[in-house]
Amino acid sequence: MKKSKINTIDLYEKIITGDKQALSKAITLVESSLDEHIELAQKLLNVIIPKTGNSIRIGISGPPGAGKSTFINKFGLYLCEKGIKVAVLTIDPSSSISKGSILGDKTRMADLSVHNGSFIRPSPSGETMGGVARKTRESLLLCEAAGFDIIFIETVGVGQNETLVRSMVDLFVLILSPGAGDELQGIKKGIVEISDMILVNKTDGPNEQAARLTRKEYETGLHLSKSPSDGWTQQALNISAETGLGLAELWLKINEFVTTTKAKGTFSLRRKKQLQNWFDNELQLEILRRIGKRNEVLKKITESRIKISDGKQSVYSAVYEISSLIFNDQS
C-alpha cells in the first residue's frame, strides 16, 4: 500500500456508504506501522469521528472449545435476518516465535461471512496483551462509520490477561461449555466479575441437562458478586449455537441491557472512560515508539542492560540516566 495511492477523503466517502472493500483497506491502513500510513490513518480517523458511536459494542470471550466462533456465526445470522448490520473483529493469537497468525476465525463463520449485512475482519494479536490487537479500537470506529449496528470483538481466549476488551465494549459476554467450572479454576473469578452475561453454550442433545445445571450454578454465584455495570444485574443464560436455542431471549436481554444502562448513565460514562483509557495507552505507546527511533537512547539502553546483568549498575540508576537523556533533564 503506497502513499500515493491512498486518498483519505475518497476512502472516507466510500466507508460511510458501507463499501466493505474500502473498510478493509482502511483497517489495513490503521494496522500499518509505516510512518506515512500512520499519518494517513490519523487523518482518516479524525474525519470519521462524527460518524461513530452509534453501535452496540459486544466483547466475546471464553475458553477454547466453548464455541465462540460458532455462536457469533449463528447469532450474527439471526441479527442479519432482522435487518441488523453485524461486524465481527476476531483476534487470532500470534506465535511468540514466528510472530505469525493463522487468522482462521473467518472460515469458522462461513455462513455469516457471505451475508450482505455482515463484515468479518480477523487480525493478529501481535505482542498486544489482553486478548485484542493493537488497533482493535480504530477498527471498531471504522466499522461504526461504515454503519454497522452490532460490533462483536472476539478475544483470543480466556485468562487473567484476556480482559482488555472490557475497556472497549459496552457489553462483555463470557461463553462457557457445560460443566465449565473445573476448566476455569484459577481464572474464573476475574473473568466472571467483569462479565455482564454468561452464556452456557451446547445446551442441546446429551449436553442439555449438564448445561442447564451449569447455568444454575453460575446464576447462584452471580448473586454473590457486584455487577460490573451499575444498574444491571448479571445474567446467566442457556444457548445452543447449533440449534439456535436461546438466541431470541439473548437479543431481548441485550436490548434490556442497553436501555437500562443508558437510563442509569452507565453506558455513556463507560464510553467516556474508554476514550480516556485509549488516550493514556496510545500516549505511552507513541512515546515509546519515538524513543525507539533515537539512536543515542537505544545505545544507552543496550549499554545499561549489559551493566545491569553484570551487576555493575542498579536498575533504578539506569532508568534514571536514560530518562534524563530522553528528556534532557540532569536535575
C-alpha atoms as a PDB file:
ATOM      1  CA  MET A   1       0.000   0.000   0.000  1.00  0.00           C
ATOM      2  CA  LYS A   2       1.809   3.109  -1.258  1.00  0.00           C
ATOM      3  CA  LYS A   3       1.184   6.614  -0.019  1.00  0.00           C
ATOM      4  CA  SER A   4       0.477   7.968  -3.492  1.00  0.00           C
ATOM      5  CA  LYS A   5      -2.370   5.516  -3.982  1.00  0.00           C
ATOM      6  CA  ILE A   6      -4.282   6.410  -0.806  1.00  0.00           C
ATOM      7  CA  ASN A   7      -6.783   9.251  -0.778  1.00  0.00           C
ATOM      8  CA  THR A   8      -8.284   9.525   2.717  1.00  0.00           C
ATOM      9  CA  ILE A   9     -11.249  11.642   1.578  1.00  0.00           C
ATOM     10  CA  ASP A  10     -12.130   9.143  -1.135  1.00  0.00           C
ATOM     11  CA  LEU A  11     -11.706   6.312   1.364  1.00  0.00           C
ATOM     12  CA  TYR A  12     -13.924   8.105   3.886  1.00  0.00           C
ATOM     13  CA  GLU A  13     -16.693   8.673   1.339  1.00  0.00           C
ATOM     14  CA  LYS A  14     -16.684   5.000   0.391  1.00  0.00           C
ATOM     15  CA  ILE A  15     -16.626   3.809   4.009  1.00  0.00           C
ATOM     16  CA  ILE A  16     -19.697   5.798   5.061  1.00  0.00           C
ATOM     17  CA  THR A  17     -21.653   4.233   2.181  1.00  0.00           C
ATOM     18  CA  GLY A  18     -20.855   0.784   3.574  1.00  0.00           C
ATOM     19  CA  ASP A  19     -18.237  -0.184   0.981  1.00  0.00           C
ATOM     20  CA  LYS A  20     -16.646  -3.298   2.527  1.00  0.00           C
ATOM     21  CA  GLN A  21     -13.565  -3.190   0.324  1.00  0.00           C
ATOM     22  CA  ALA A  22     -12.891   0.381   1.399  1.00  0.00           C
ATOM     23  CA  LEU A  23     -13.438  -0.633   5.024  1.00  0.00           C
ATOM     24  CA  SER A  24     -10.927  -3.487   4.706  1.00  0.00           C
ATOM     25  CA  LYS A  25      -8.433  -1.135   3.084  1.00  0.00           C
ATOM     26  CA  ALA A  26      -8.911   1.402   5.876  1.00  0.00           C
ATOM     27  CA  ILE A  27      -8.341  -1.207   8.586  1.00  0.00           C
ATOM     28  CA  THR A  28      -5.189  -2.362   6.808  1.00  0.00           C
ATOM     29  CA  LEU A  29      -4.079   1.265   6.783  1.00  0.00           C
ATOM     30  CA  VAL A  30      -4.591   1.803  10.523  1.00  0.00           C
ATOM     31  CA  GLU A  31      -2.867  -1.504  11.308  1.00  0.00           C
ATOM     32  CA  SER A  32       0.243  -0.478   9.369  1.00  0.00           C
ATOM     33  CA  SER A  33       3.327   0.620  11.321  1.00  0.00           C
ATOM     34  CA  LEU A  34       4.819   2.639   8.451  1.00  0.00           C
ATOM     35  CA  ASP A  35       5.175   6.332   9.286  1.00  0.00           C
ATOM     36  CA  GLU A  36       3.379   7.533   6.148  1.00  0.00           C
ATOM     37  CA  HIS A  37       0.472   5.167   6.834  1.00  0.00           C
ATOM     38  CA  ILE A  38       0.258   6.270  10.474  1.00  0.00           C
ATOM     39  CA  GLU A  39      -0.094   9.880   9.293  1.00  0.00           C
ATOM     40  CA  LEU A  40      -2.813   8.980   6.778  1.00  0.00           C
ATOM     41  CA  ALA A  41      -4.610   6.809   9.333  1.00  0.00           C
ATOM     42  CA  GLN A  42      -4.723   9.724  11.769  1.00  0.00           C
ATOM     43  CA  LYS A  43      -6.301  11.950   9.127  1.00  0.00           C
ATOM     44  CA  LEU A  44      -8.879   9.297   8.278  1.00  0.00           C
ATOM     45  CA  LEU A  45      -9.790   8.640  11.916  1.00  0.00           C
ATOM     46  CA  ASN A  46     -10.235  12.352  12.550  1.00  0.00           C
ATOM     47  CA  VAL A  47     -12.778  12.760   9.755  1.00  0.00           C
ATOM     48  CA  ILE A  48     -14.820   9.654  10.657  1.00  0.00           C
ATOM     49  CA  ILE A  49     -15.297  10.582  14.346  1.00  0.00           C
ATOM     50  CA  PRO A  50     -18.697  12.296  13.777  1.00  0.00           C
ATOM     51  CA  LYS A  51     -19.946   9.063  12.161  1.00  0.00           C
ATOM     52  CA  THR A  52     -19.023   6.838  15.124  1.00  0.00           C
ATOM     53  CA  GLY A  53     -20.598   5.863  18.431  1.00  0.00           C
ATOM     54  CA  ASN A  54     -23.949   4.541  17.219  1.00  0.00           C
ATOM     55  CA  SER A  55     -23.330   0.805  17.507  1.00  0.00           C
ATOM     56  CA  ILE A  56     -23.623  -1.678  20.357  1.00  0.00           C
ATOM     57  CA  ARG A  57     -20.133  -2.971  21.112  1.00  0.00           C
ATOM     58  CA  ILE A  58     -20.047  -6.536  22.437  1.00  0.00           C
ATOM     59  CA  GLY A  59     -16.960  -8.357  23.700  1.00  0.00           C
ATOM     60  CA  ILE A  60     -16.945 -12.146  23.431  1.00  0.00           C
ATOM     61  CA  SER A  61     -14.561 -14.283  25.481  1.00  0.00           C
ATOM     62  CA  GLY A  62     -14.396 -17.869  26.668  1.00  0.00           C
ATOM     63  CA  PRO A  63     -12.103 -20.892  26.871  1.00  0.00           C
ATOM     64  CA  PRO A  64     -11.059 -22.825  23.746  1.00  0.00           C
ATOM     65  CA  GLY A  65     -13.795 -25.166  22.575  1.00  0.00           C
ATOM     66  CA  ALA A  66     -16.637 -23.221  24.169  1.00  0.00           C
ATOM     67  CA  GLY A  67     -17.979 -22.343  20.710  1.00  0.00           C
ATOM     68  CA  LYS A  68     -17.291 -18.598  20.468  1.00  0.00           C
ATOM     69  CA  SER A  69     -16.965 -18.515  16.674  1.00  0.00           C
ATOM     70  CA  THR A  70     -19.882 -20.888  16.163  1.00  0.00           C
ATOM     71  CA  PHE A  71     -22.019 -18.710  18.421  1.00  0.00           C
ATOM     72  CA  ILE A  72     -21.100 -15.488  16.589  1.00  0.00           C
ATOM     73  CA  ASN A  73     -21.822 -17.178  13.258  1.00  0.00           C
ATOM     74  CA  LYS A  74     -25.279 -18.296  14.388  1.00  0.00           C
ATOM     75  CA  PHE A  75     -26.249 -15.199  16.356  1.00  0.00           C
ATOM     76  CA  GLY A  76     -24.838 -12.898  13.684  1.00  0.00           C
ATOM     77  CA  LEU A  77     -27.037 -14.565  11.064  1.00  0.00           C
ATOM     78  CA  TYR A  78     -30.022 -14.244  13.410  1.00  0.00           C
ATOM     79  CA  LEU A  79     -29.408 -10.500  13.659  1.00  0.00           C
ATOM     80  CA  CYS A  80     -28.710 -10.049   9.936  1.00  0.00           C
ATOM     81  CA  GLU A  81     -32.043 -11.680   9.112  1.00  0.00           C
ATOM     82  CA  LYS A  82     -33.654  -8.951  11.237  1.00  0.00           C
ATOM     83  CA  GLY A  83     -32.006  -6.304   9.072  1.00  0.00           C
ATOM     84  CA  ILE A  84     -29.301  -5.540  11.645  1.00  0.00           C
ATOM     85  CA  LYS A  85     -25.808  -4.961  10.239  1.00  0.00           C
ATOM     86  CA  VAL A  86     -23.153  -7.007  12.045  1.00  0.00           C
ATOM     87  CA  ALA A  87     -19.374  -6.524  12.096  1.00  0.00           C
ATOM     88  CA  VAL A  88     -17.022  -9.029  13.708  1.00  0.00           C
ATOM     89  CA  LEU A  89     -13.453  -8.242  14.730  1.00  0.00           C
ATOM     90  CA  THR A  90     -11.741 -11.517  15.574  1.00  0.00           C
ATOM     91  CA  ILE A  91      -8.334 -11.671  17.230  1.00  0.00           C
ATOM     92  CA  ASP A  92      -6.048 -14.602  16.472  1.00  0.00           C
ATOM     93  CA  PRO A  93      -3.084 -15.329  18.742  1.00  0.00           C
ATOM     94  CA  SER A  94       0.331 -14.597  17.237  1.00  0.00           C
ATOM     95  CA  SER A  95       3.161 -17.061  17.703  1.00  0.00           C
ATOM     96  CA  SER A  96       5.770 -15.825  20.165  1.00  0.00           C
ATOM     97  CA  ILE A  97       8.395 -17.490  17.952  1.00  0.00           C
ATOM     98  CA  SER A  98       7.360 -16.879  14.324  1.00  0.00           C
ATOM     99  CA  LYS A  99       5.144 -13.835  15.117  1.00  0.00           C
ATOM    100  CA  GLY A 100       2.646 -15.252  12.605  1.00  0.00           C
ATOM    101  CA  SER A 101      -1.099 -15.947  12.979  1.00  0.00           C
ATOM    102  CA  ILE A 102      -3.381 -18.432  11.270  1.00  0.00           C
ATOM    103  CA  LEU A 103      -6.287 -15.942  11.009  1.00  0.00           C
ATOM    104  CA  GLY A 104      -8.746 -18.801  10.645  1.00  0.00           C
ATOM    105  CA  ASP A 105     -11.746 -17.382  12.507  1.00  0.00           C
ATOM    106  CA  LYS A 106     -13.414 -16.217   9.301  1.00  0.00           C
ATOM    107  CA  THR A 107     -13.510 -19.788   7.998  1.00  0.00           C
ATOM    108  CA  ARG A 108     -15.366 -20.832  11.162  1.00  0.00           C
ATOM    109  CA  MET A 109     -18.034 -18.234  10.358  1.00  0.00           C
ATOM    110  CA  ALA A 110     -18.582 -19.329   6.767  1.00  0.00           C
ATOM    111  CA  ASP A 111     -22.343 -18.667   6.731  1.00  0.00           C
ATOM    112  CA  LEU A 112     -22.120 -15.209   8.291  1.00  0.00           C
ATOM    113  CA  SER A 113     -19.147 -14.152   6.176  1.00  0.00           C
ATOM    114  CA  VAL A 114     -21.134 -14.361   2.920  1.00  0.00           C
ATOM    115  CA  HIS A 115     -24.172 -12.449   4.197  1.00  0.00           C
ATOM    116  CA  ASN A 116     -24.548  -8.971   2.695  1.00  0.00           C
ATOM    117  CA  GLY A 117     -25.253  -7.471   6.115  1.00  0.00           C
ATOM    118  CA  SER A 118     -22.041  -8.667   7.727  1.00  0.00           C
ATOM    119  CA  PHE A 119     -18.347  -7.845   7.797  1.00  0.00           C
ATOM    120  CA  ILE A 120     -15.691 -10.068   9.369  1.00  0.00           C
ATOM    121  CA  ARG A 121     -12.127  -8.946   9.925  1.00  0.00           C
ATOM    122  CA  PRO A 122      -9.518 -11.254  11.520  1.00  0.00           C
ATOM    123  CA  SER A 123      -6.417  -9.571  12.952  1.00  0.00           C
ATOM    124  CA  PRO A 124      -3.285 -10.954  14.627  1.00  0.00           C
ATOM    125  CA  SER A 125      -2.846 -10.120  18.307  1.00  0.00           C
ATOM    126  CA  GLY A 126       0.849  -9.406  17.740  1.00  0.00           C
ATOM    127  CA  GLU A 127       2.563  -8.542  21.007  1.00  0.00           C
ATOM    128  CA  THR A 128      -0.517  -6.874  22.471  1.00  0.00           C
ATOM    129  CA  MET A 129      -1.805  -8.480  25.659  1.00  0.00           C
ATOM    130  CA  GLY A 130      -5.399  -8.514  26.822  1.00  0.00           C
ATOM    131  CA  GLY A 131      -6.887 -10.696  24.078  1.00  0.00           C
ATOM    132  CA  VAL A 132      -7.057  -7.928  21.472  1.00  0.00           C
ATOM    133  CA  ALA A 133      -4.926  -6.460  18.690  1.00  0.00           C
ATOM    134  CA  ARG A 134      -3.111  -3.101  18.896  1.00  0.00           C
ATOM    135  CA  LYS A 135      -5.541  -1.385  16.512  1.00  0.00           C
ATOM    136  CA  THR A 136      -8.809  -3.024  17.551  1.00  0.00           C
ATOM    137  CA  ARG A 137     -10.232   0.285  18.787  1.00  0.00           C
ATOM    138  CA  GLU A 138      -9.514   2.009  15.492  1.00  0.00           C
ATOM    139  CA  SER A 139     -11.036  -0.881  13.543  1.00  0.00           C
ATOM    140  CA  LEU A 140     -14.128  -0.661  15.720  1.00  0.00           C
ATOM    141  CA  LEU A 141     -14.580   3.040  14.918  1.00  0.00           C
ATOM    142  CA  LEU A 142     -14.183   2.375  11.200  1.00  0.00           C
ATOM    143  CA  CYS A 143     -16.896  -0.302  11.386  1.00  0.00           C
ATOM    144  CA  GLU A 144     -19.192   2.164  13.140  1.00  0.00           C
ATOM    145  CA  ALA A 145     -18.550   4.764  10.448  1.00  0.00           C
ATOM    146  CA  ALA A 146     -19.494   2.135   7.865  1.00  0.00           C
ATOM    147  CA  GLY A 147     -22.910   1.841   9.523  1.00  0.00           C
ATOM    148  CA  PHE A 148     -22.690  -1.456  11.390  1.00  0.00           C
ATOM    149  CA  ASP A 149     -25.206  -1.699  14.235  1.00  0.00           C
ATOM    150  CA  ILE A 150     -23.627  -4.500  16.278  1.00  0.00           C
ATOM    151  CA  ILE A 151     -19.877  -4.977  16.570  1.00  0.00           C
ATOM    152  CA  PHE A 152     -18.523  -8.155  18.108  1.00  0.00           C
ATOM    153  CA  ILE A 153     -14.936  -8.340  19.344  1.00  0.00           C
ATOM    154  CA  GLU A 154     -13.899 -11.950  19.814  1.00  0.00           C
ATOM    155  CA  THR A 155     -10.808 -12.295  22.008  1.00  0.00           C
ATOM    156  CA  VAL A 156      -8.038 -14.859  21.574  1.00  0.00           C
ATOM    157  CA  GLY A 157      -9.214 -16.845  24.594  1.00  0.00           C
ATOM    158  CA  VAL A 158      -9.778 -16.505  28.302  1.00  0.00           C
ATOM    159  CA  GLY A 159      -7.363 -15.846  31.137  1.00  0.00           C
ATOM    160  CA  GLN A 160      -6.074 -13.264  33.540  1.00  0.00           C
ATOM    161  CA  ASN A 161      -4.831 -11.072  30.661  1.00  0.00           C
ATOM    162  CA  GLU A 162      -7.813 -11.531  28.353  1.00  0.00           C
ATOM    163  CA  THR A 163      -9.714  -8.627  29.867  1.00  0.00           C
ATOM    164  CA  LEU A 164      -8.511  -5.551  27.957  1.00  0.00           C
ATOM    165  CA  VAL A 165     -11.526  -5.932  25.681  1.00  0.00           C
ATOM    166  CA  ARG A 166     -13.698  -4.954  28.658  1.00  0.00           C
ATOM    167  CA  SER A 167     -12.318  -1.420  28.262  1.00  0.00           C
ATOM    168  CA  MET A 168     -13.501  -1.265  24.623  1.00  0.00           C
ATOM    169  CA  VAL A 169     -17.053  -2.581  24.740  1.00  0.00           C
ATOM    170  CA  ASP A 170     -20.451  -1.776  26.179  1.00  0.00           C
ATOM    171  CA  LEU A 171     -21.359  -5.368  26.978  1.00  0.00           C
ATOM    172  CA  PHE A 172     -18.959  -8.170  27.942  1.00  0.00           C
ATOM    173  CA  VAL A 173     -20.092 -11.751  27.319  1.00  0.00           C
ATOM    174  CA  LEU A 174     -18.442 -14.925  28.603  1.00  0.00           C
ATOM    175  CA  ILE A 175     -19.232 -18.158  26.753  1.00  0.00           C
ATOM    176  CA  LEU A 176     -18.802 -21.467  28.575  1.00  0.00           C
ATOM    177  CA  SER A 177     -19.325 -25.135  27.881  1.00  0.00           C
ATOM    178  CA  PRO A 178     -21.419 -27.387  30.147  1.00  0.00           C
ATOM    179  CA  GLY A 179     -19.523 -28.254  33.310  1.00  0.00           C
ATOM    180  CA  ALA A 180     -17.016 -25.449  32.702  1.00  0.00           C
ATOM    181  CA  GLY A 181     -16.307 -24.845  36.383  1.00  0.00           C
ATOM    182  CA  ASP A 182     -13.188 -27.003  36.515  1.00  0.00           C
ATOM    183  CA  GLU A 183     -11.547 -25.532  33.402  1.00  0.00           C
ATOM    184  CA  LEU A 184     -11.963 -22.003  34.740  1.00  0.00           C
ATOM    185  CA  GLN A 185     -10.478 -22.672  38.167  1.00  0.00           C
ATOM    186  CA  GLY A 186      -7.840 -20.068  38.977  1.00  0.00           C
ATOM    187  CA  ILE A 187      -9.036 -17.593  36.345  1.00  0.00           C
ATOM    188  CA  LYS A 188     -12.807 -17.624  36.599  1.00  0.00           C
ATOM    189  CA  LYS A 189     -13.053 -15.114  39.440  1.00  0.00           C
ATOM    190  CA  GLY A 190     -11.580 -12.263  37.404  1.00  0.00           C
ATOM    191  CA  ILE A 191     -13.331 -13.069  34.138  1.00  0.00           C
ATOM    192  CA  VAL A 192     -16.731 -13.710  35.732  1.00  0.00           C
ATOM    193  CA  GLU A 193     -16.579 -10.488  37.732  1.00  0.00           C
ATOM    194  CA  ILE A 194     -16.291  -8.378  34.570  1.00  0.00           C
ATOM    195  CA  SER A 195     -18.939 -10.312  32.612  1.00  0.00           C
ATOM    196  CA  ASP A 196     -22.362  -8.764  32.070  1.00  0.00           C
ATOM    197  CA  MET A 197     -23.706 -12.039  30.712  1.00  0.00           C
ATOM    198  CA  ILE A 198     -22.605 -15.660  30.926  1.00  0.00           C
ATOM    199  CA  LEU A 199     -23.821 -17.899  28.128  1.00  0.00           C
ATOM    200  CA  VAL A 200     -23.679 -21.635  28.683  1.00  0.00           C
ATOM    201  CA  ASN A 201     -23.415 -22.998  25.165  1.00  0.00           C
ATOM    202  CA  LYS A 202     -24.120 -26.510  23.815  1.00  0.00           C
ATOM    203  CA  THR A 203     -27.486 -26.753  25.528  1.00  0.00           C
ATOM    204  CA  ASP A 204     -28.592 -29.499  23.201  1.00  0.00           C
ATOM    205  CA  GLY A 205     -28.643 -33.291  22.894  1.00  0.00           C
ATOM    206  CA  PRO A 206     -26.805 -35.204  25.613  1.00  0.00           C
ATOM    207  CA  ASN A 207     -25.278 -31.981  26.973  1.00  0.00           C
ATOM    208  CA  GLU A 208     -28.592 -30.273  27.730  1.00  0.00           C
ATOM    209  CA  GLN A 209     -29.032 -31.370  31.328  1.00  0.00           C
ATOM    210  CA  ALA A 210     -25.404 -30.573  32.247  1.00  0.00           C
ATOM    211  CA  ALA A 211     -25.677 -27.189  30.516  1.00  0.00           C
ATOM    212  CA  ARG A 212     -28.779 -26.216  32.460  1.00  0.00           C
ATOM    213  CA  LEU A 213     -27.138 -27.291  35.712  1.00  0.00           C
ATOM    214  CA  THR A 214     -24.044 -25.218  34.863  1.00  0.00           C
ATOM    215  CA  ARG A 215     -26.211 -22.170  34.210  1.00  0.00           C
ATOM    216  CA  LYS A 216     -27.935 -22.557  37.586  1.00  0.00           C
ATOM    217  CA  GLU A 217     -24.585 -22.820  39.353  1.00  0.00           C
ATOM    218  CA  TYR A 218     -23.332 -19.590  37.791  1.00  0.00           C
ATOM    219  CA  GLU A 219     -26.669 -17.878  38.299  1.00  0.00           C
ATOM    220  CA  THR A 220     -26.406 -18.606  42.008  1.00  0.00           C
ATOM    221  CA  GLY A 221     -22.814 -17.402  42.149  1.00  0.00           C
ATOM    222  CA  LEU A 222     -23.569 -14.141  40.344  1.00  0.00           C
ATOM    223  CA  HIS A 223     -25.906 -13.056  43.119  1.00  0.00           C
ATOM    224  CA  LEU A 224     -22.904 -13.004  45.449  1.00  0.00           C
ATOM    225  CA  SER A 225     -20.794 -10.638  43.326  1.00  0.00           C
ATOM    226  CA  LYS A 226     -21.087  -6.978  42.381  1.00  0.00           C
ATOM    227  CA  SER A 227     -22.193  -6.329  38.819  1.00  0.00           C
ATOM    228  CA  PRO A 228     -19.563  -4.617  36.612  1.00  0.00           C
ATOM    229  CA  SER A 229     -22.273  -2.397  35.109  1.00  0.00           C
ATOM    230  CA  ASP A 230     -24.117  -0.116  37.509  1.00  0.00           C
ATOM    231  CA  GLY A 231     -27.879  -0.645  37.323  1.00  0.00           C
ATOM    232  CA  TRP A 232     -27.600  -4.036  35.633  1.00  0.00           C
ATOM    233  CA  THR A 233     -27.918  -7.477  37.235  1.00  0.00           C
ATOM    234  CA  GLN A 234     -25.539 -10.038  35.735  1.00  0.00           C
ATOM    235  CA  GLN A 235     -27.317 -12.732  33.723  1.00  0.00           C
ATOM    236  CA  ALA A 236     -26.646 -16.417  33.035  1.00  0.00           C
ATOM    237  CA  LEU A 237     -28.415 -17.901  30.011  1.00  0.00           C
ATOM    238  CA  ASN A 238     -28.571 -21.226  28.224  1.00  0.00           C
ATOM    239  CA  ILE A 239     -27.946 -21.187  24.479  1.00  0.00           C
ATOM    240  CA  SER A 240     -27.143 -23.559  21.655  1.00  0.00           C
ATOM    241  CA  ALA A 241     -25.069 -22.244  18.765  1.00  0.00           C
ATOM    242  CA  GLU A 242     -26.067 -25.358  16.827  1.00  0.00           C
ATOM    243  CA  THR A 243     -29.857 -25.234  17.190  1.00  0.00           C
ATOM    244  CA  GLY A 244     -30.365 -21.535  17.881  1.00  0.00           C
ATOM    245  CA  LEU A 245     -31.850 -22.168  21.323  1.00  0.00           C
ATOM    246  CA  GLY A 246     -31.887 -19.026  23.474  1.00  0.00           C
ATOM    247  CA  LEU A 247     -30.843 -16.549  20.783  1.00  0.00           C
ATOM    248  CA  ALA A 248     -34.187 -14.706  20.776  1.00  0.00           C
ATOM    249  CA  GLU A 249     -34.048 -14.379  24.574  1.00  0.00           C
ATOM    250  CA  LEU A 250     -30.437 -13.191  24.358  1.00  0.00           C
ATOM    251  CA  TRP A 251     -31.343 -10.439  21.903  1.00  0.00           C
ATOM    252  CA  LEU A 252     -34.073  -9.248  24.267  1.00  0.00           C
ATOM    253  CA  LYS A 253     -31.564  -9.228  27.137  1.00  0.00           C
ATOM    254  CA  ILE A 254     -29.046  -7.222  25.101  1.00  0.00           C
ATOM    255  CA  ASN A 255     -31.679  -4.592  24.340  1.00  0.00           C
ATOM    256  CA  GLU A 256     -32.680  -4.575  28.007  1.00  0.00           C
ATOM    257  CA  PHE A 257     -29.029  -4.065  28.979  1.00  0.00           C
ATOM    258  CA  VAL A 258     -28.624  -1.107  26.626  1.00  0.00           C
ATOM    259  CA  THR A 259     -31.887   0.520  27.719  1.00  0.00           C
ATOM    260  CA  THR A 260     -31.123   0.030  31.415  1.00  0.00           C
ATOM    261  CA  THR A 261     -27.512   1.242  31.340  1.00  0.00           C
ATOM    262  CA  LYS A 262     -28.361   4.253  29.184  1.00  0.00           C
ATOM    263  CA  ALA A 263     -31.109   5.264  31.617  1.00  0.00           C
ATOM    264  CA  LYS A 264     -28.718   4.857  34.536  1.00  0.00           C
ATOM    265  CA  GLY A 265     -25.955   6.811  32.800  1.00  0.00           C
ATOM    266  CA  THR A 266     -23.617   3.805  32.924  1.00  0.00           C
ATOM    267  CA  PHE A 267     -23.497   3.449  29.147  1.00  0.00           C
ATOM    268  CA  SER A 268     -22.269   6.982  28.390  1.00  0.00           C
ATOM    269  CA  LEU A 269     -19.923   7.041  31.391  1.00  0.00           C
ATOM    270  CA  ARG A 270     -18.273   3.825  30.213  1.00  0.00           C
ATOM    271  CA  ARG A 271     -17.804   5.244  26.712  1.00  0.00           C
ATOM    272  CA  LYS A 272     -16.092   8.337  28.170  1.00  0.00           C
ATOM    273  CA  LYS A 273     -13.774   6.201  30.321  1.00  0.00           C
ATOM    274  CA  GLN A 274     -12.942   4.073  27.287  1.00  0.00           C
ATOM    275  CA  LEU A 275     -11.768   7.137  25.393  1.00  0.00           C
ATOM    276  CA  GLN A 276      -9.674   8.291  28.348  1.00  0.00           C
ATOM    277  CA  ASN A 277      -8.054   4.846  28.701  1.00  0.00           C
ATOM    278  CA  TRP A 278      -7.401   4.727  24.964  1.00  0.00           C
ATOM    279  CA  PHE A 279      -5.700   8.116  25.094  1.00  0.00           C
ATOM    280  CA  ASP A 280      -3.494   7.075  28.023  1.00  0.00           C
ATOM    281  CA  ASN A 281      -2.466   3.813  26.333  1.00  0.00           C
ATOM    282  CA  GLU A 282      -1.762   5.386  22.954  1.00  0.00           C
ATOM    283  CA  LEU A 283       0.233   8.226  24.519  1.00  0.00           C
ATOM    284  CA  GLN A 284       2.522   5.746  26.280  1.00  0.00           C
ATOM    285  CA  LEU A 285       2.951   3.638  23.140  1.00  0.00           C
ATOM    286  CA  GLU A 286       3.704   6.674  20.965  1.00  0.00           C
ATOM    287  CA  ILE A 287       6.305   7.925  23.428  1.00  0.00           C
ATOM    288  CA  LEU A 288       7.990   4.503  23.376  1.00  0.00           C
ATOM    289  CA  ARG A 289       7.817   4.389  19.567  1.00  0.00           C
ATOM    290  CA  ARG A 290       9.524   7.761  19.236  1.00  0.00           C
ATOM    291  CA  ILE A 291      12.136   6.884  21.850  1.00  0.00           C
ATOM    292  CA  GLY A 292      12.932   3.749  19.855  1.00  0.00           C
ATOM    293  CA  LYS A 293      13.955   5.888  16.890  1.00  0.00           C
ATOM    294  CA  ARG A 294      16.659   7.780  18.806  1.00  0.00           C
ATOM    295  CA  ASN A 295      19.980   6.000  18.265  1.00  0.00           C
ATOM    296  CA  GLU A 296      21.674   7.548  21.288  1.00  0.00           C
ATOM    297  CA  VAL A 297      18.885   6.311  23.536  1.00  0.00           C
ATOM    298  CA  LEU A 298      18.942   2.811  22.048  1.00  0.00           C
ATOM    299  CA  LYS A 299      22.720   2.688  22.529  1.00  0.00           C
ATOM    300  CA  LYS A 300      22.342   3.771  26.152  1.00  0.00           C
ATOM    301  CA  ILE A 301      19.653   1.146  26.770  1.00  0.00           C
ATOM    302  CA  THR A 302      21.891  -1.594  25.330  1.00  0.00           C
ATOM    303  CA  GLU A 303      24.822  -0.468  27.498  1.00  0.00           C
ATOM    304  CA  SER A 304      22.631  -0.317  30.596  1.00  0.00           C
ATOM    305  CA  ARG A 305      21.300  -3.842  30.049  1.00  0.00           C
ATOM    306  CA  ILE A 306      24.848  -5.194  29.946  1.00  0.00           C
ATOM    307  CA  LYS A 307      25.869  -3.287  33.079  1.00  0.00           C
ATOM    308  CA  ILE A 308      22.768  -4.435  34.965  1.00  0.00           C
ATOM    309  CA  SER A 309      23.208  -8.096  34.012  1.00  0.00           C
ATOM    310  CA  ASP A 310      26.903  -7.897  35.002  1.00  0.00           C
ATOM    311  CA  GLY A 311      25.989  -6.401  38.368  1.00  0.00           C
ATOM    312  CA  LYS A 312      27.747  -3.106  37.623  1.00  0.00           C
ATOM    313  CA  GLN A 313      24.690  -0.841  37.786  1.00  0.00           C
ATOM    314  CA  SER A 314      21.358  -0.835  39.569  1.00  0.00           C
ATOM    315  CA  VAL A 315      18.110  -0.870  37.646  1.00  0.00           C
ATOM    316  CA  TYR A 316      16.987   2.357  39.302  1.00  0.00           C
ATOM    317  CA  SER A 317      20.093   4.344  38.361  1.00  0.00           C
ATOM    318  CA  ALA A 318      19.993   3.030  34.775  1.00  0.00           C
ATOM    319  CA  VAL A 319      16.376   4.062  34.354  1.00  0.00           C
ATOM    320  CA  TYR A 320      17.139   7.490  35.831  1.00  0.00           C
ATOM    321  CA  GLU A 321      20.074   8.036  33.454  1.00  0.00           C
ATOM    322  CA  ILE A 322      18.058   7.019  30.399  1.00  0.00           C
ATOM    323  CA  SER A 323      15.048   9.136  31.345  1.00  0.00           C
ATOM    324  CA  SER A 324      17.375  12.111  31.892  1.00  0.00           C
ATOM    325  CA  LEU A 325      18.883  11.540  28.440  1.00  0.00           C
ATOM    326  CA  ILE A 326      15.442  11.353  26.828  1.00  0.00           C
ATOM    327  CA  PHE A 327      14.073  14.474  28.455  1.00  0.00           C
ATOM    328  CA  ASN A 328      17.360  16.380  28.656  1.00  0.00           C
ATOM    329  CA  ASP A 329      16.937  16.650  32.398  1.00  0.00           C
ATOM    330  CA  GLN A 330      20.061  16.455  34.512  1.00  0.00           C
ATOM    331  CA  SER A 331      18.412  17.606  37.729  1.00  0.00           C
END
